[in-house]
Amino acid sequence: MDIINPATEAIITTLEEDTATSATEKYEKVREGQRAWQKVPLPERVAALTKFSELLSTEADELAKILSS
């Protein structure tokens, strides 16, 4: 599957299609990550998400440039 830059219509990259097996493996890895995140104390999760939100706001213009180039 081609990933296309909508601004230029250039192909950014091509991804291989998943099989049922690879999709299941990826799902299991995501579940492992979710279980680990769930064990992080709530105040630490809030702090991490707050910092992420602040960085998105601070770097919004740069992020927009990267995503649209």
N, C-alpha and C. Protein backbone atom coordinates (compact mmCIF):
# COMPACT_ATOMS: atom_id res chain seq x y z
N MET A 1 0.85 -1.16 0.00
CA MET A 1 0.00 0.00 0.00
C MET A 1 0.90 1.23 0.00
N ASP A 2 0.64 2.12 -0.93
CA ASP A 2 1.43 3.34 -1.01
C ASP A 2 0.89 4.39 -0.03
N ILE A 3 1.80 5.07 0.66
CA ILE A 3 1.47 6.21 1.51
C ILE A 3 1.83 7.45 0.72
N ILE A 4 0.83 8.28 0.46
CA ILE A 4 0.99 9.42 -0.44
C ILE A 4 0.89 10.73 0.32
N ASN A 5 1.81 11.64 0.02
CA ASN A 5 1.76 13.00 0.57
C ASN A 5 0.63 13.73 -0.15
N PRO A 6 -0.42 14.14 0.57
CA PRO A 6 -1.55 14.78 -0.10
C PRO A 6 -1.20 16.14 -0.69
N ALA A 7 -0.18 16.79 -0.19
CA ALA A 7 0.20 18.11 -0.70
C ALA A 7 0.91 18.01 -2.05
N THR A 8 1.71 16.95 -2.21
CA THR A 8 2.51 16.83 -3.44
C THR A 8 2.11 15.63 -4.29
N GLU A 9 1.32 14.75 -3.73
CA GLU A 9 0.92 13.49 -4.36
C GLU A 9 2.10 12.55 -4.62
N ALA A 10 3.22 12.83 -3.97
CA ALA A 10 4.39 11.95 -4.08
C ALA A 10 4.22 10.77 -3.13
N ILE A 11 4.72 9.63 -3.54
CA ILE A 11 4.70 8.45 -2.66
C ILE A 11 5.79 8.63 -1.61
N ILE A 12 5.38 8.59 -0.35
CA ILE A 12 6.31 8.76 0.76
C ILE A 12 6.99 7.43 1.06
N THR A 13 6.18 6.38 1.11
CA THR A 13 6.69 5.04 1.38
C THR A 13 5.65 4.03 0.94
N THR A 14 6.05 2.79 0.91
CA THR A 14 5.13 1.71 0.59
C THR A 14 5.15 0.72 1.75
N LEU A 15 3.97 0.38 2.24
CA LEU A 15 3.84 -0.56 3.34
C LEU A 15 3.42 -1.92 2.82
N GLU A 16 3.95 -2.95 3.44
CA GLU A 16 3.54 -4.31 3.10
C GLU A 16 2.17 -4.57 3.72
N GLU A 17 1.36 -5.34 3.03
CA GLU A 17 0.05 -5.70 3.57
C GLU A 17 0.24 -6.71 4.69
N ASP A 18 -0.61 -6.60 5.71
CA ASP A 18 -0.55 -7.54 6.83
C ASP A 18 -1.26 -8.83 6.48
N THR A 19 -0.77 -9.88 7.09
CA THR A 19 -1.47 -11.16 7.05
C THR A 19 -2.24 -11.28 8.36
N ALA A 20 -3.08 -12.27 8.46
CA ALA A 20 -3.80 -12.49 9.72
C ALA A 20 -2.81 -12.73 10.86
N THR A 21 -1.74 -13.43 10.58
CA THR A 21 -0.73 -13.73 11.60
C THR A 21 0.00 -12.47 12.04
N SER A 22 0.44 -11.66 11.08
CA SER A 22 1.18 -10.45 11.45
C SER A 22 0.28 -9.45 12.16
N ALA A 23 -0.98 -9.38 11.77
CA ALA A 23 -1.92 -8.48 12.45
C ALA A 23 -2.13 -8.93 13.88
N THR A 24 -2.25 -10.22 14.11
CA THR A 24 -2.40 -10.76 15.47
C THR A 24 -1.17 -10.46 16.30
N GLU A 25 0.02 -10.64 15.73
CA GLU A 25 1.26 -10.35 16.45
C GLU A 25 1.33 -8.87 16.84
N LYS A 26 0.97 -8.00 15.93
CA LYS A 26 0.99 -6.57 16.23
C LYS A 26 -0.02 -6.23 17.32
N TYR A 27 -1.19 -6.82 17.25
CA TYR A 27 -2.20 -6.59 18.27
C TYR A 27 -1.68 -7.01 19.64
N GLU A 28 -1.05 -8.16 19.72
CA GLU A 28 -0.51 -8.64 21.00
C GLU A 28 0.55 -7.69 21.55
N LYS A 29 1.39 -7.14 20.68
CA LYS A 29 2.40 -6.18 21.14
C LYS A 29 1.75 -4.91 21.68
N VAL A 30 0.71 -4.46 21.01
CA VAL A 30 0.00 -3.27 21.48
C VAL A 30 -0.63 -3.55 22.84
N ARG A 31 -1.22 -4.71 23.00
CA ARG A 31 -1.83 -5.08 24.29
C ARG A 31 -0.77 -5.13 25.40
N GLU A 32 0.41 -5.62 25.08
CA GLU A 32 1.49 -5.65 26.07
C GLU A 32 1.83 -4.23 26.51
N GLY A 33 1.94 -3.33 25.55
CA GLY A 33 2.23 -1.94 25.87
C GLY A 33 1.13 -1.31 26.71
N GLN A 34 -0.12 -1.63 26.39
CA GLN A 34 -1.24 -1.08 27.16
C GLN A 34 -1.20 -1.61 28.59
N ARG A 35 -0.88 -2.86 28.75
CA ARG A 35 -0.80 -3.43 30.11
C ARG A 35 0.31 -2.76 30.91
N ALA A 36 1.43 -2.50 30.28
CA ALA A 36 2.55 -1.82 30.96
C ALA A 36 2.14 -0.39 31.34
N TRP A 37 1.50 0.32 30.41
CA TRP A 37 1.05 1.70 30.67
C TRP A 37 0.04 1.72 31.81
N GLN A 38 -0.81 0.72 31.87
CA GLN A 38 -1.84 0.63 32.90
C GLN A 38 -1.21 0.53 34.29
N LYS A 39 -0.01 -0.04 34.38
CA LYS A 39 0.67 -0.21 35.66
C LYS A 39 1.35 1.08 36.13
N VAL A 40 1.53 2.04 35.24
CA VAL A 40 2.15 3.32 35.62
C VAL A 40 1.14 4.07 36.48
N PRO A 41 1.58 4.59 37.63
CA PRO A 41 0.65 5.32 38.50
C PRO A 41 -0.02 6.48 37.76
N LEU A 42 -1.29 6.70 38.09
CA LEU A 42 -2.07 7.72 37.40
C LEU A 42 -1.39 9.09 37.36
N PRO A 43 -0.82 9.59 38.47
CA PRO A 43 -0.16 10.91 38.38
C PRO A 43 0.97 10.95 37.35
N GLU A 44 1.69 9.84 37.18
CA GLU A 44 2.77 9.80 36.19
C GLU A 44 2.20 9.79 34.77
N ARG A 45 1.08 9.08 34.56
CA ARG A 45 0.45 9.07 33.24
C ARG A 45 -0.07 10.46 32.90
N VAL A 46 -0.69 11.11 33.88
CA VAL A 46 -1.20 12.47 33.66
C VAL A 46 -0.05 13.41 33.31
N ALA A 47 1.05 13.30 34.05
CA ALA A 47 2.21 14.16 33.79
C ALA A 47 2.78 13.92 32.38
N ALA A 48 2.86 12.67 31.97
CA ALA A 48 3.39 12.36 30.65
C ALA A 48 2.48 12.91 29.55
N LEU A 49 1.19 12.75 29.70
CA LEU A 49 0.26 13.25 28.69
C LEU A 49 0.20 14.77 28.69
N THR A 50 0.33 15.38 29.86
CA THR A 50 0.37 16.84 29.93
C THR A 50 1.60 17.37 29.21
N LYS A 51 2.75 16.76 29.45
CA LYS A 51 3.99 17.16 28.79
C LYS A 51 3.86 16.99 27.27
N PHE A 52 3.27 15.89 26.84
CA PHE A 52 3.08 15.64 25.42
C PHE A 52 2.19 16.72 24.81
N SER A 53 1.13 17.07 25.50
CA SER A 53 0.23 18.12 25.03
C SER A 53 0.95 19.46 24.92
N GLU A 54 1.77 19.77 25.91
CA GLU A 54 2.54 21.02 25.89
C GLU A 54 3.51 21.05 24.71
N LEU A 55 4.18 19.93 24.47
CA LEU A 55 5.11 19.85 23.35
C LEU A 55 4.40 20.00 22.01
N LEU A 56 3.23 19.39 21.89
CA LEU A 56 2.46 19.55 20.65
C LEU A 56 2.10 21.00 20.42
N SER A 57 1.69 21.68 21.48
CA SER A 57 1.33 23.10 21.35
C SER A 57 2.55 23.94 21.01
N THR A 58 3.64 23.70 21.70
CA THR A 58 4.86 24.47 21.49
C THR A 58 5.43 24.27 20.09
N GLU A 59 5.36 23.06 19.61
CA GLU A 59 5.99 22.70 18.34
C GLU A 59 4.98 22.55 17.20
N ALA A 60 3.79 23.11 17.35
CA ALA A 60 2.73 22.93 16.36
C ALA A 60 3.15 23.39 14.96
N ASP A 61 3.78 24.54 14.88
CA ASP A 61 4.18 25.05 13.56
C ASP A 61 5.21 24.13 12.90
N GLU A 62 6.20 23.69 13.66
CA GLU A 62 7.22 22.80 13.13
C GLU A 62 6.61 21.46 12.71
N LEU A 63 5.72 20.95 13.53
CA LEU A 63 5.04 19.70 13.22
C LEU A 63 4.23 19.84 11.94
N ALA A 64 3.54 20.96 11.77
CA ALA A 64 2.75 21.20 10.55
C ALA A 64 3.65 21.22 9.32
N LYS A 65 4.83 21.83 9.44
CA LYS A 65 5.77 21.85 8.31
C LYS A 65 6.22 20.44 7.94
N ILE A 66 6.53 19.65 8.96
CA ILE A 66 7.00 18.29 8.72
C ILE A 66 5.90 17.45 8.07
N LEU A 67 4.70 17.58 8.58
CA LEU A 67 3.60 16.77 8.07
C LEU A 67 3.14 17.18 6.67
N SER A 68 3.44 18.39 6.30
CA SER A 68 2.97 18.86 4.98
C SER A 68 4.07 18.93 3.93
N SER A 69 5.29 18.50 4.31
CA SER A 69 6.38 18.55 3.32
C SER A 69 6.53 17.24 2.59
